[in-house]
Amino acid sequence: MAPSYLFEWCKMKSTLLRDSANYYDSLKEYEYIFTLGKKATLRTVRVKFPNSSYHHLAGFQYIKQDSNFKSKKMAIYNVKSRIITQEKFELNELSEKIGNRWLAILQIQRILDDNKCFYEYPDNAGPQRSKIKAKFALIANDANESLLLFLNGKTDTDMTPCSIIIEKDAKLYYAGYTRWTTLKIIRSDLHSNIQTIMYQSNTYRE
């Protein structure tokens, strides 16, 4: 993972936002199907990546003065067509926080492919002491920090990403919450319907 707490804005300013939009745009072609287990209980969680979710993941809600940042459906298009550029964020007091979100977006594939557990929040309330409202959190840990992807939806079969952050102390977001073990991960191509098994636990038998 890139060193978010040593984030160097000037070195990355020409490509990071656009790279995150291009990368996220590639994810919308797939649905991820997770089989989760806890004791004798199994459940299936389906995760998609609609265009509208990129707006919040990328921190566009923090830019109030520009009307180009308001449209959720047009967010990716506006970045790729350079209607929205990274320079517009440079004077924002949250520029480093927003930049870390773009770095995190580029790591989504790793957390999807390698994730071994989900943490569940009751009543879709998200973690305490946080404004994030979510049903689940997926966490990838590195030596000095953690990447957290939060999911929300009305049911387990319509989960979409609602927030993504990089934190030094991830325990605040998972300690005390229900832990579901990931038993199987399938990536389904939404156009061809071809399914690829990305992971299956040695202990899981269908």
N, C-alpha and C. Protein backbone atom coordinates (compact mmCIF):
# COMPACT_ATOMS: atom_id res chain seq x y z
N MET A 1 0.85 -1.20 0.00
CA MET A 1 0.00 0.00 0.00
C MET A 1 0.88 1.24 0.00
N ALA A 2 0.47 2.23 -0.73
CA ALA A 2 1.22 3.49 -0.75
C ALA A 2 1.22 4.13 0.64
N PRO A 3 2.29 4.82 1.02
CA PRO A 3 2.41 5.39 2.36
C PRO A 3 1.54 6.63 2.52
N SER A 4 0.30 6.43 2.93
CA SER A 4 -0.65 7.53 2.94
C SER A 4 -0.25 8.66 3.88
N TYR A 5 0.39 8.33 5.00
CA TYR A 5 0.73 9.37 5.96
C TYR A 5 1.99 10.13 5.54
N LEU A 6 2.59 9.71 4.42
CA LEU A 6 3.68 10.45 3.82
C LEU A 6 3.26 10.94 2.45
N PHE A 7 1.96 11.19 2.33
CA PHE A 7 1.37 11.56 1.04
C PHE A 7 2.02 12.83 0.50
N GLU A 8 2.57 12.74 -0.72
CA GLU A 8 3.24 13.87 -1.35
C GLU A 8 2.38 14.37 -2.50
N TRP A 9 1.61 15.40 -2.24
CA TRP A 9 0.61 15.87 -3.18
C TRP A 9 1.21 16.26 -4.53
N CYS A 10 2.27 17.01 -4.53
CA CYS A 10 2.80 17.54 -5.78
C CYS A 10 3.28 16.45 -6.72
N LYS A 11 3.87 15.39 -6.19
CA LYS A 11 4.40 14.33 -7.03
C LYS A 11 3.29 13.54 -7.71
N MET A 12 2.10 13.52 -7.11
CA MET A 12 1.03 12.67 -7.61
C MET A 12 -0.07 13.46 -8.30
N LYS A 13 0.00 14.78 -8.28
CA LYS A 13 -1.17 15.56 -8.64
C LYS A 13 -1.61 15.41 -10.09
N SER A 14 -0.72 14.98 -10.97
CA SER A 14 -1.10 14.92 -12.37
C SER A 14 -1.89 13.67 -12.74
N THR A 15 -1.83 12.61 -11.89
CA THR A 15 -2.44 11.34 -12.30
C THR A 15 -3.33 10.68 -11.27
N LEU A 16 -3.19 10.98 -10.01
CA LEU A 16 -3.83 10.16 -8.98
C LEU A 16 -5.35 10.17 -9.07
N LEU A 17 -5.97 11.31 -9.21
CA LEU A 17 -7.42 11.37 -9.31
C LEU A 17 -7.90 10.62 -10.55
N ARG A 18 -7.29 10.89 -11.67
CA ARG A 18 -7.70 10.23 -12.91
C ARG A 18 -7.48 8.71 -12.85
N ASP A 19 -6.37 8.31 -12.24
CA ASP A 19 -6.12 6.87 -12.08
C ASP A 19 -7.21 6.21 -11.24
N SER A 20 -7.63 6.89 -10.17
CA SER A 20 -8.66 6.30 -9.31
C SER A 20 -9.98 6.18 -10.04
N ALA A 21 -10.33 7.16 -10.88
CA ALA A 21 -11.57 7.11 -11.65
C ALA A 21 -11.53 5.99 -12.69
N ASN A 22 -10.41 5.88 -13.40
CA ASN A 22 -10.27 4.82 -14.39
C ASN A 22 -10.33 3.44 -13.74
N TYR A 23 -9.68 3.31 -12.60
CA TYR A 23 -9.67 2.03 -11.91
C TYR A 23 -11.07 1.66 -11.41
N TYR A 24 -11.73 2.60 -10.75
CA TYR A 24 -13.07 2.31 -10.26
C TYR A 24 -14.02 1.99 -11.41
N ASP A 25 -13.86 2.68 -12.52
CA ASP A 25 -14.71 2.44 -13.69
C ASP A 25 -14.60 0.99 -14.17
N SER A 26 -13.43 0.38 -14.01
CA SER A 26 -13.25 -1.01 -14.42
C SER A 26 -13.97 -1.99 -13.49
N LEU A 27 -14.17 -1.59 -12.25
CA LEU A 27 -14.83 -2.48 -11.28
C LEU A 27 -16.31 -2.66 -11.56
N LYS A 28 -16.94 -1.69 -12.20
CA LYS A 28 -18.39 -1.76 -12.40
C LYS A 28 -18.80 -2.88 -13.34
N GLU A 29 -17.83 -3.49 -14.03
CA GLU A 29 -18.12 -4.59 -14.94
C GLU A 29 -18.37 -5.90 -14.20
N TYR A 30 -18.13 -5.91 -12.89
CA TYR A 30 -18.19 -7.16 -12.14
C TYR A 30 -19.09 -7.06 -10.91
N GLU A 31 -19.57 -8.22 -10.50
CA GLU A 31 -20.21 -8.37 -9.20
C GLU A 31 -19.39 -9.39 -8.41
N TYR A 32 -19.16 -9.08 -7.15
CA TYR A 32 -18.44 -9.99 -6.28
C TYR A 32 -19.42 -10.69 -5.35
N ILE A 33 -19.34 -12.00 -5.30
CA ILE A 33 -20.26 -12.81 -4.51
C ILE A 33 -19.46 -13.48 -3.39
N PHE A 34 -19.74 -13.11 -2.17
CA PHE A 34 -19.04 -13.64 -1.00
C PHE A 34 -19.93 -14.63 -0.27
N THR A 35 -19.40 -15.81 0.00
CA THR A 35 -20.06 -16.75 0.91
C THR A 35 -19.40 -16.61 2.26
N LEU A 36 -20.19 -16.25 3.25
CA LEU A 36 -19.67 -16.00 4.60
C LEU A 36 -20.20 -17.05 5.56
N GLY A 37 -19.44 -17.34 6.61
CA GLY A 37 -19.86 -18.31 7.60
C GLY A 37 -19.55 -17.85 9.01
N LYS A 38 -20.43 -18.26 9.92
CA LYS A 38 -20.21 -18.00 11.34
C LYS A 38 -20.89 -19.13 12.12
N LYS A 39 -20.07 -19.97 12.74
CA LYS A 39 -20.56 -21.18 13.39
C LYS A 39 -21.30 -22.03 12.36
N ALA A 40 -22.58 -22.31 12.54
CA ALA A 40 -23.30 -23.17 11.59
C ALA A 40 -24.14 -22.36 10.60
N THR A 41 -23.91 -21.06 10.54
CA THR A 41 -24.71 -20.18 9.70
C THR A 41 -23.93 -19.74 8.46
N LEU A 42 -24.58 -19.82 7.29
CA LEU A 42 -24.01 -19.33 6.05
C LEU A 42 -24.85 -18.17 5.53
N ARG A 43 -24.20 -17.23 4.85
CA ARG A 43 -24.93 -16.15 4.18
C ARG A 43 -24.15 -15.73 2.94
N THR A 44 -24.87 -15.18 1.98
CA THR A 44 -24.27 -14.72 0.73
C THR A 44 -24.41 -13.21 0.63
N VAL A 45 -23.30 -12.54 0.36
CA VAL A 45 -23.29 -11.09 0.19
C VAL A 45 -22.80 -10.78 -1.23
N ARG A 46 -23.58 -9.98 -1.95
CA ARG A 46 -23.24 -9.59 -3.31
C ARG A 46 -22.86 -8.11 -3.32
N VAL A 47 -21.74 -7.80 -3.98
CA VAL A 47 -21.22 -6.43 -3.98
C VAL A 47 -21.04 -5.97 -5.42
N LYS A 48 -21.64 -4.81 -5.73
CA LYS A 48 -21.47 -4.18 -7.03
C LYS A 48 -20.86 -2.79 -6.85
N PHE A 49 -20.38 -2.22 -7.95
CA PHE A 49 -19.69 -0.93 -7.91
C PHE A 49 -20.32 0.02 -8.92
N PRO A 50 -21.48 0.58 -8.60
CA PRO A 50 -22.13 1.52 -9.52
C PRO A 50 -21.37 2.83 -9.62
N ASN A 51 -21.55 3.51 -10.75
CA ASN A 51 -20.89 4.81 -10.96
C ASN A 51 -21.15 5.78 -9.82
N SER A 52 -22.38 5.79 -9.32
CA SER A 52 -22.77 6.79 -8.33
C SER A 52 -21.97 6.67 -7.03
N SER A 53 -21.43 5.49 -6.72
CA SER A 53 -20.68 5.32 -5.47
C SER A 53 -19.32 5.99 -5.51
N TYR A 54 -18.76 6.16 -6.69
CA TYR A 54 -17.43 6.77 -6.80
C TYR A 54 -17.42 8.19 -6.23
N HIS A 55 -18.49 8.92 -6.42
CA HIS A 55 -18.59 10.32 -5.98
C HIS A 55 -18.22 10.46 -4.51
N HIS A 56 -18.80 9.63 -3.66
CA HIS A 56 -18.57 9.74 -2.23
C HIS A 56 -17.21 9.13 -1.86
N LEU A 57 -16.85 8.00 -2.47
CA LEU A 57 -15.56 7.40 -2.17
C LEU A 57 -14.42 8.36 -2.45
N ALA A 58 -14.54 9.13 -3.53
CA ALA A 58 -13.47 10.04 -3.94
C ALA A 58 -13.48 11.37 -3.20
N GLY A 59 -14.46 11.59 -2.31
CA GLY A 59 -14.47 12.80 -1.50
C GLY A 59 -15.04 14.03 -2.17
N PHE A 60 -15.84 13.84 -3.22
CA PHE A 60 -16.38 15.00 -3.93
C PHE A 60 -17.39 15.78 -3.10
N GLN A 61 -17.95 15.15 -2.08
CA GLN A 61 -18.93 15.84 -1.23
C GLN A 61 -18.30 16.98 -0.44
N TYR A 62 -16.96 17.00 -0.38
CA TYR A 62 -16.28 18.06 0.38
C TYR A 62 -16.09 19.34 -0.44
N ILE A 63 -16.34 19.28 -1.74
CA ILE A 63 -16.19 20.46 -2.59
C ILE A 63 -17.58 21.04 -2.83
N LYS A 64 -17.87 22.16 -2.19
CA LYS A 64 -19.22 22.71 -2.20
C LYS A 64 -19.41 23.80 -3.25
N GLN A 65 -18.33 24.46 -3.65
CA GLN A 65 -18.48 25.69 -4.42
C GLN A 65 -18.54 25.47 -5.93
N ASP A 66 -18.37 24.25 -6.40
CA ASP A 66 -18.33 23.97 -7.84
C ASP A 66 -19.48 23.02 -8.20
N SER A 67 -20.37 23.43 -9.07
CA SER A 67 -21.54 22.63 -9.43
C SER A 67 -21.17 21.32 -10.14
N ASN A 68 -19.98 21.26 -10.73
CA ASN A 68 -19.56 20.03 -11.42
C ASN A 68 -19.36 18.86 -10.47
N PHE A 69 -19.23 19.16 -9.18
CA PHE A 69 -19.01 18.11 -8.20
C PHE A 69 -20.32 17.53 -7.64
N LYS A 70 -21.45 18.08 -8.02
CA LYS A 70 -22.72 17.68 -7.40
C LYS A 70 -23.28 16.38 -7.95
N SER A 71 -23.08 16.10 -9.22
CA SER A 71 -23.69 14.94 -9.85
C SER A 71 -22.95 13.66 -9.50
N LYS A 72 -23.65 12.72 -8.87
CA LYS A 72 -23.04 11.43 -8.53
C LYS A 72 -22.86 10.56 -9.77
N LYS A 73 -23.86 10.58 -10.64
CA LYS A 73 -23.80 9.72 -11.82
C LYS A 73 -22.73 10.17 -12.81
N MET A 74 -22.42 11.47 -12.81
CA MET A 74 -21.47 12.01 -13.79
C MET A 74 -20.05 12.14 -13.24
N ALA A 75 -19.82 11.71 -12.02
CA ALA A 75 -18.53 11.95 -11.36
C ALA A 75 -17.37 11.35 -12.15
N ILE A 76 -17.48 10.08 -12.53
CA ILE A 76 -16.39 9.44 -13.25
C ILE A 76 -16.18 10.09 -14.61
N TYR A 77 -17.27 10.35 -15.31
CA TYR A 77 -17.17 11.00 -16.62
C TYR A 77 -16.49 12.36 -16.49
N ASN A 78 -16.86 13.13 -15.48
CA ASN A 78 -16.29 14.47 -15.31
C ASN A 78 -14.79 14.44 -15.03
N VAL A 79 -14.33 13.38 -14.35
CA VAL A 79 -12.89 13.24 -14.12
C VAL A 79 -12.19 12.81 -15.40
N LYS A 80 -12.72 11.80 -16.05
CA LYS A 80 -12.07 11.27 -17.25
C LYS A 80 -12.04 12.28 -18.39
N SER A 81 -13.04 13.15 -18.43
CA SER A 81 -13.08 14.19 -19.47
C SER A 81 -12.40 15.48 -19.02
N ARG A 82 -11.85 15.48 -17.80
CA ARG A 82 -11.09 16.60 -17.23
C ARG A 82 -11.94 17.84 -16.96
N ILE A 83 -13.23 17.63 -16.79
CA ILE A 83 -14.07 18.71 -16.27
C ILE A 83 -13.74 18.94 -14.79
N ILE A 84 -13.47 17.84 -14.10
CA ILE A 84 -12.96 17.89 -12.73
C ILE A 84 -11.49 17.49 -12.77
N THR A 85 -10.63 18.36 -12.26
CA THR A 85 -9.20 18.06 -12.24
C THR A 85 -8.68 18.07 -10.80
N GLN A 86 -7.56 17.45 -10.62
CA GLN A 86 -6.99 17.34 -9.28
C GLN A 86 -6.59 18.69 -8.71
N GLU A 87 -6.24 19.62 -9.58
CA GLU A 87 -5.83 20.95 -9.12
C GLU A 87 -6.93 21.65 -8.32
N LYS A 88 -8.18 21.31 -8.58
CA LYS A 88 -9.28 21.95 -7.86
C LYS A 88 -9.33 21.57 -6.40
N PHE A 89 -8.60 20.51 -6.03
CA PHE A 89 -8.58 20.07 -4.64
C PHE A 89 -7.40 20.64 -3.86
N GLU A 90 -6.42 21.20 -4.53
CA GLU A 90 -5.17 21.51 -3.88
C GLU A 90 -5.28 22.53 -2.75
N LEU A 91 -6.20 23.47 -2.87
CA LEU A 91 -6.33 24.50 -1.84
C LEU A 91 -7.33 24.12 -0.76
N ASN A 92 -7.97 22.95 -0.91
CA ASN A 92 -8.92 22.51 0.10
C ASN A 92 -8.18 22.02 1.33
N GLU A 93 -8.67 22.39 2.50
CA GLU A 93 -7.99 22.02 3.75
C GLU A 93 -8.00 20.51 3.97
N LEU A 94 -8.86 19.79 3.27
CA LEU A 94 -8.94 18.34 3.40
C LEU A 94 -8.20 17.63 2.26
N SER A 95 -7.32 18.32 1.57
CA SER A 95 -6.70 17.76 0.38
C SER A 95 -5.96 16.45 0.66
N GLU A 96 -5.26 16.35 1.77
CA GLU A 96 -4.53 15.12 2.07
C GLU A 96 -5.51 13.98 2.37
N LYS A 97 -6.56 14.28 3.12
CA LYS A 97 -7.57 13.26 3.42
C LYS A 97 -8.23 12.76 2.14
N ILE A 98 -8.54 13.67 1.23
CA ILE A 98 -9.17 13.29 -0.03
C ILE A 98 -8.18 12.50 -0.88
N GLY A 99 -6.95 12.94 -0.93
CA GLY A 99 -5.93 12.22 -1.69
C GLY A 99 -5.74 10.80 -1.19
N ASN A 100 -5.82 10.61 0.12
CA ASN A 100 -5.71 9.27 0.68
C ASN A 100 -6.87 8.38 0.24
N ARG A 101 -8.03 8.97 0.02
CA ARG A 101 -9.17 8.21 -0.50
C ARG A 101 -8.86 7.69 -1.91
N TRP A 102 -8.23 8.53 -2.73
CA TRP A 102 -7.90 8.09 -4.09
C TRP A 102 -6.87 6.96 -4.05
N LEU A 103 -5.90 7.08 -3.15
CA LEU A 103 -4.93 6.00 -2.97
C LEU A 103 -5.63 4.71 -2.56
N ALA A 104 -6.61 4.83 -1.67
CA ALA A 104 -7.34 3.66 -1.20
C ALA A 104 -8.18 3.02 -2.30
N ILE A 105 -8.80 3.84 -3.14
CA ILE A 105 -9.60 3.31 -4.24
C ILE A 105 -8.75 2.40 -5.13
N LEU A 106 -7.51 2.78 -5.35
CA LEU A 106 -6.61 1.98 -6.18
C LEU A 106 -6.25 0.64 -5.55
N GLN A 107 -6.60 0.45 -4.27
CA GLN A 107 -6.30 -0.80 -3.56
C GLN A 107 -7.54 -1.68 -3.38
N ILE A 108 -8.67 -1.30 -3.95
CA ILE A 108 -9.91 -2.05 -3.73
C ILE A 108 -9.79 -3.51 -4.17
N GLN A 109 -9.15 -3.74 -5.32
CA GLN A 109 -9.05 -5.11 -5.82
C GLN A 109 -8.36 -6.03 -4.81
N ARG A 110 -7.33 -5.51 -4.16
CA ARG A 110 -6.61 -6.34 -3.19
C ARG A 110 -7.49 -6.73 -2.01
N ILE A 111 -8.26 -5.80 -1.52
CA ILE A 111 -9.11 -6.14 -0.38
C ILE A 111 -10.24 -7.09 -0.78
N LEU A 112 -10.71 -7.00 -2.03
CA LEU A 112 -11.74 -7.92 -2.49
C LEU A 112 -11.19 -9.32 -2.67
N ASP A 113 -10.04 -9.43 -3.28
CA ASP A 113 -9.47 -10.74 -3.58
C ASP A 113 -8.93 -11.46 -2.36
N ASP A 114 -8.35 -10.69 -1.43
CA ASP A 114 -7.64 -11.29 -0.31
C ASP A 114 -8.42 -11.31 0.99
N ASN A 115 -9.60 -10.69 1.00
CA ASN A 115 -10.30 -10.51 2.27
C ASN A 115 -10.73 -11.84 2.86
N LYS A 116 -10.51 -12.01 4.15
CA LYS A 116 -10.85 -13.26 4.82
C LYS A 116 -11.97 -13.11 5.84
N CYS A 117 -12.48 -11.90 5.99
CA CYS A 117 -13.60 -11.74 6.92
C CYS A 117 -14.34 -10.43 6.66
N PHE A 118 -15.59 -10.41 7.10
CA PHE A 118 -16.43 -9.21 7.10
C PHE A 118 -16.75 -8.88 8.56
N TYR A 119 -16.80 -7.59 8.87
CA TYR A 119 -17.30 -7.16 10.17
C TYR A 119 -18.66 -6.51 9.96
N GLU A 120 -19.63 -6.92 10.76
CA GLU A 120 -21.01 -6.47 10.57
C GLU A 120 -21.42 -5.49 11.66
N TYR A 121 -22.06 -4.39 11.24
CA TYR A 121 -22.56 -3.39 12.18
C TYR A 121 -24.07 -3.56 12.33
N PRO A 122 -24.58 -3.51 13.54
CA PRO A 122 -26.03 -3.67 13.74
C PRO A 122 -26.81 -2.49 13.16
N ASP A 123 -27.96 -2.81 12.56
CA ASP A 123 -28.89 -1.78 12.06
C ASP A 123 -28.26 -0.84 11.03
N ASN A 124 -27.26 -1.32 10.29
CA ASN A 124 -26.60 -0.50 9.26
C ASN A 124 -26.08 0.83 9.82
N ALA A 125 -25.74 0.83 11.11
CA ALA A 125 -25.38 2.08 11.79
C ALA A 125 -23.91 2.44 11.61
N GLY A 126 -23.09 1.49 11.17
CA GLY A 126 -21.67 1.78 11.06
C GLY A 126 -20.98 1.76 12.40
N PRO A 127 -19.67 2.01 12.43
CA PRO A 127 -18.92 1.99 13.68
C PRO A 127 -19.26 3.17 14.58
N GLN A 128 -19.20 2.94 15.89
CA GLN A 128 -19.40 4.03 16.83
C GLN A 128 -18.28 5.04 16.69
N ARG A 129 -18.53 6.26 17.13
CA ARG A 129 -17.57 7.36 17.06
C ARG A 129 -17.15 7.66 15.61
N SER A 130 -18.06 7.37 14.69
CA SER A 130 -17.79 7.67 13.28
C SER A 130 -19.09 8.08 12.61
N LYS A 131 -18.99 8.93 11.60
CA LYS A 131 -20.16 9.35 10.84
C LYS A 131 -20.52 8.37 9.72
N ILE A 132 -19.69 7.36 9.53
CA ILE A 132 -19.92 6.38 8.47
C ILE A 132 -21.12 5.51 8.80
N LYS A 133 -22.06 5.41 7.88
CA LYS A 133 -23.21 4.53 8.03
C LYS A 133 -23.02 3.34 7.10
N ALA A 134 -22.87 2.16 7.67
CA ALA A 134 -22.54 0.99 6.86
C ALA A 134 -23.07 -0.28 7.51
N LYS A 135 -23.22 -1.30 6.68
CA LYS A 135 -23.62 -2.63 7.16
C LYS A 135 -22.40 -3.49 7.44
N PHE A 136 -21.37 -3.39 6.56
CA PHE A 136 -20.18 -4.22 6.69
C PHE A 136 -18.92 -3.38 6.51
N ALA A 137 -17.83 -3.90 7.06
CA ALA A 137 -16.50 -3.37 6.79
C ALA A 137 -15.59 -4.51 6.37
N LEU A 138 -14.80 -4.28 5.33
CA LEU A 138 -13.75 -5.19 4.91
C LEU A 138 -12.43 -4.49 5.18
N ILE A 139 -11.48 -5.22 5.74
CA ILE A 139 -10.25 -4.59 6.20
C ILE A 139 -9.04 -5.34 5.66
N ALA A 140 -8.08 -4.59 5.13
CA ALA A 140 -6.78 -5.13 4.75
C ALA A 140 -5.73 -4.42 5.59
N ASN A 141 -4.93 -5.20 6.29
CA ASN A 141 -3.95 -4.63 7.21
C ASN A 141 -2.55 -4.69 6.63
N ASP A 142 -1.81 -3.59 6.80
CA ASP A 142 -0.38 -3.55 6.52
C ASP A 142 0.35 -3.27 7.83
N ALA A 143 1.66 -3.17 7.75
CA ALA A 143 2.45 -3.02 8.96
C ALA A 143 2.09 -1.77 9.75
N ASN A 144 1.86 -0.64 9.05
CA ASN A 144 1.68 0.63 9.74
C ASN A 144 0.28 1.21 9.65
N GLU A 145 -0.58 0.65 8.78
CA GLU A 145 -1.90 1.21 8.60
C GLU A 145 -2.83 0.19 7.98
N SER A 146 -4.11 0.52 7.93
CA SER A 146 -5.12 -0.40 7.42
C SER A 146 -6.00 0.31 6.41
N LEU A 147 -6.42 -0.45 5.42
CA LEU A 147 -7.38 0.02 4.43
C LEU A 147 -8.74 -0.56 4.78
N LEU A 148 -9.76 0.30 4.86
CA LEU A 148 -11.10 -0.14 5.24
C LEU A 148 -12.09 0.25 4.16
N LEU A 149 -12.81 -0.73 3.64
CA LEU A 149 -13.87 -0.52 2.66
C LEU A 149 -15.19 -0.82 3.34
N PHE A 150 -16.11 0.15 3.32
CA PHE A 150 -17.40 0.01 3.97
C PHE A 150 -18.49 -0.22 2.93
N LEU A 151 -19.42 -1.11 3.24
CA LEU A 151 -20.51 -1.47 2.33
C LEU A 151 -21.85 -1.20 2.98
N ASN A 152 -22.82 -0.83 2.16
CA ASN A 152 -24.17 -0.63 2.67
C ASN A 152 -25.18 -1.01 1.60
N GLY A 153 -26.40 -1.29 2.02
CA GLY A 153 -27.48 -1.66 1.12
C GLY A 153 -28.67 -2.14 1.92
N LYS A 154 -29.80 -2.27 1.25
CA LYS A 154 -31.03 -2.68 1.93
C LYS A 154 -30.99 -4.15 2.32
N THR A 155 -30.33 -4.97 1.48
CA THR A 155 -30.24 -6.41 1.75
C THR A 155 -28.81 -6.87 1.45
N ASP A 156 -28.51 -8.11 1.83
CA ASP A 156 -27.18 -8.66 1.57
C ASP A 156 -26.88 -8.78 0.08
N THR A 157 -27.91 -8.79 -0.76
CA THR A 157 -27.70 -9.02 -2.19
C THR A 157 -27.55 -7.73 -2.99
N ASP A 158 -27.59 -6.59 -2.34
CA ASP A 158 -27.45 -5.32 -3.08
C ASP A 158 -26.46 -4.37 -2.40
N MET A 159 -25.35 -4.92 -1.90
CA MET A 159 -24.34 -4.10 -1.24
C MET A 159 -23.52 -3.30 -2.25
N THR A 160 -23.25 -2.06 -1.90
CA THR A 160 -22.38 -1.19 -2.70
C THR A 160 -21.44 -0.45 -1.74
N PRO A 161 -20.28 0.00 -2.22
CA PRO A 161 -19.36 0.73 -1.35
C PRO A 161 -19.91 2.09 -0.97
N CYS A 162 -19.78 2.44 0.30
CA CYS A 162 -20.27 3.74 0.75
C CYS A 162 -19.17 4.62 1.33
N SER A 163 -18.02 4.03 1.66
CA SER A 163 -16.90 4.84 2.15
C SER A 163 -15.63 4.01 2.09
N ILE A 164 -14.51 4.69 2.02
CA ILE A 164 -13.22 4.01 2.05
C ILE A 164 -12.21 4.93 2.74
N ILE A 165 -11.42 4.37 3.65
CA ILE A 165 -10.48 5.19 4.41
C ILE A 165 -9.20 4.41 4.66
N ILE A 166 -8.15 5.14 4.99
CA ILE A 166 -6.89 4.56 5.44
C ILE A 166 -6.66 5.06 6.86
N GLU A 167 -6.43 4.13 7.78
CA GLU A 167 -6.29 4.49 9.19
C GLU A 167 -5.10 3.77 9.81
N LYS A 168 -4.51 4.40 10.81
CA LYS A 168 -3.44 3.74 11.56
C LYS A 168 -4.00 2.74 12.56
N ASP A 169 -5.15 3.06 13.16
CA ASP A 169 -5.72 2.19 14.19
C ASP A 169 -7.08 1.66 13.73
N ALA A 170 -7.09 0.53 13.05
CA ALA A 170 -8.33 -0.04 12.53
C ALA A 170 -9.20 -0.66 13.61
N LYS A 171 -8.65 -0.91 14.79
CA LYS A 171 -9.42 -1.55 15.85
C LYS A 171 -10.66 -0.75 16.21
N LEU A 172 -10.59 0.55 16.05
CA LEU A 172 -11.76 1.38 16.35
C LEU A 172 -12.95 1.02 15.48
N TYR A 173 -12.69 0.38 14.33
CA TYR A 173 -13.73 0.10 13.36
C TYR A 173 -14.19 -1.36 13.38
N TYR A 174 -13.46 -2.25 14.09
CA TYR A 174 -13.92 -3.64 14.11
C TYR A 174 -14.00 -4.28 15.49
N ALA A 175 -13.33 -3.75 16.47
CA ALA A 175 -13.34 -4.36 17.80
C ALA A 175 -14.75 -4.37 18.39
N GLY A 176 -15.20 -5.55 18.77
CA GLY A 176 -16.51 -5.68 19.40
C GLY A 176 -17.65 -5.94 18.44
N TYR A 177 -17.39 -5.95 17.13
CA TYR A 177 -18.45 -6.17 16.15
C TYR A 177 -18.42 -7.62 15.65
N THR A 178 -19.54 -8.08 15.12
CA THR A 178 -19.67 -9.45 14.66
C THR A 178 -18.74 -9.73 13.49
N ARG A 179 -18.01 -10.82 13.57
CA ARG A 179 -17.05 -11.19 12.54
C ARG A 179 -17.56 -12.40 11.77
N TRP A 180 -17.65 -12.25 10.44
CA TRP A 180 -18.03 -13.34 9.55
C TRP A 180 -16.80 -13.78 8.77
N THR A 181 -16.55 -15.08 8.71
CA THR A 181 -15.40 -15.60 7.98
C THR A 181 -15.75 -15.76 6.50
N THR A 182 -14.87 -15.29 5.63
CA THR A 182 -15.07 -15.45 4.19
C THR A 182 -14.69 -16.87 3.79
N LEU A 183 -15.64 -17.60 3.21
CA LEU A 183 -15.42 -18.98 2.81
C LEU A 183 -15.16 -19.11 1.31
N LYS A 184 -15.76 -18.20 0.54
CA LYS A 184 -15.60 -18.28 -0.91
C LYS A 184 -15.84 -16.91 -1.52
N ILE A 185 -15.08 -16.57 -2.56
CA ILE A 185 -15.27 -15.33 -3.30
C ILE A 185 -15.37 -15.66 -4.78
N ILE A 186 -16.45 -15.22 -5.41
CA ILE A 186 -16.65 -15.40 -6.85
C ILE A 186 -16.74 -14.03 -7.50
N ARG A 187 -16.04 -13.86 -8.61
CA ARG A 187 -16.18 -12.66 -9.41
C ARG A 187 -17.00 -13.00 -10.65
N SER A 188 -18.12 -12.30 -10.80
CA SER A 188 -19.04 -12.57 -11.89
C SER A 188 -19.03 -11.42 -12.88
N ASP A 189 -18.75 -11.71 -14.15
CA ASP A 189 -18.78 -10.71 -15.21
C ASP A 189 -20.24 -10.40 -15.54
N LEU A 190 -20.63 -9.16 -15.38
CA LEU A 190 -22.04 -8.78 -15.54
C LEU A 190 -22.50 -8.83 -16.99
N HIS A 191 -21.57 -8.86 -17.94
CA HIS A 191 -21.93 -8.92 -19.36
C HIS A 191 -21.98 -10.35 -19.89
N SER A 192 -20.95 -11.12 -19.58
CA SER A 192 -20.87 -12.49 -20.09
C SER A 192 -21.43 -13.53 -19.13
N ASN A 193 -21.64 -13.13 -17.88
CA ASN A 193 -22.09 -14.05 -16.82
C ASN A 193 -21.06 -15.13 -16.49
N ILE A 194 -19.84 -14.95 -16.96
CA ILE A 194 -18.77 -15.89 -16.61
C ILE A 194 -18.36 -15.65 -15.16
N GLN A 195 -18.28 -16.73 -14.39
CA GLN A 195 -17.92 -16.62 -12.98
C GLN A 195 -16.54 -17.22 -12.74
N THR A 196 -15.73 -16.50 -11.96
CA THR A 196 -14.39 -16.94 -11.63
C THR A 196 -14.25 -17.04 -10.12
N ILE A 197 -13.78 -18.19 -9.65
CA ILE A 197 -13.54 -18.34 -8.21
C ILE A 197 -12.22 -17.66 -7.86
N MET A 198 -12.30 -16.63 -7.04
CA MET A 198 -11.11 -15.89 -6.65
C MET A 198 -10.47 -16.45 -5.38
N TYR A 199 -11.30 -17.09 -4.56
CA TYR A 199 -10.81 -17.65 -3.31
C TYR A 199 -11.81 -18.68 -2.80
N GLN A 200 -11.30 -19.76 -2.21
CA GLN A 200 -12.15 -20.72 -1.51
C GLN A 200 -11.37 -21.32 -0.37
N SER A 201 -11.95 -21.27 0.81
CA SER A 201 -11.31 -21.83 2.00
C SER A 201 -11.17 -23.33 1.87
N ASN A 202 -10.08 -23.84 2.37
CA ASN A 202 -9.85 -25.29 2.34
C ASN A 202 -10.87 -26.06 3.17
N THR A 203 -11.48 -25.38 4.12
CA THR A 203 -12.45 -26.04 5.00
C THR A 203 -13.89 -25.95 4.48
N TYR A 204 -14.10 -25.22 3.39
CA TYR A 204 -15.47 -25.02 2.90
C TYR A 204 -15.82 -26.07 1.85
N ARG A 205 -16.96 -26.74 2.05
CA ARG A 205 -17.49 -27.71 1.12
C ARG A 205 -18.93 -27.37 0.81
N GLU A 206 -19.26 -27.25 -0.47
CA GLU A 206 -20.63 -26.87 -0.85
C GLU A 206 -21.53 -28.11 -0.86
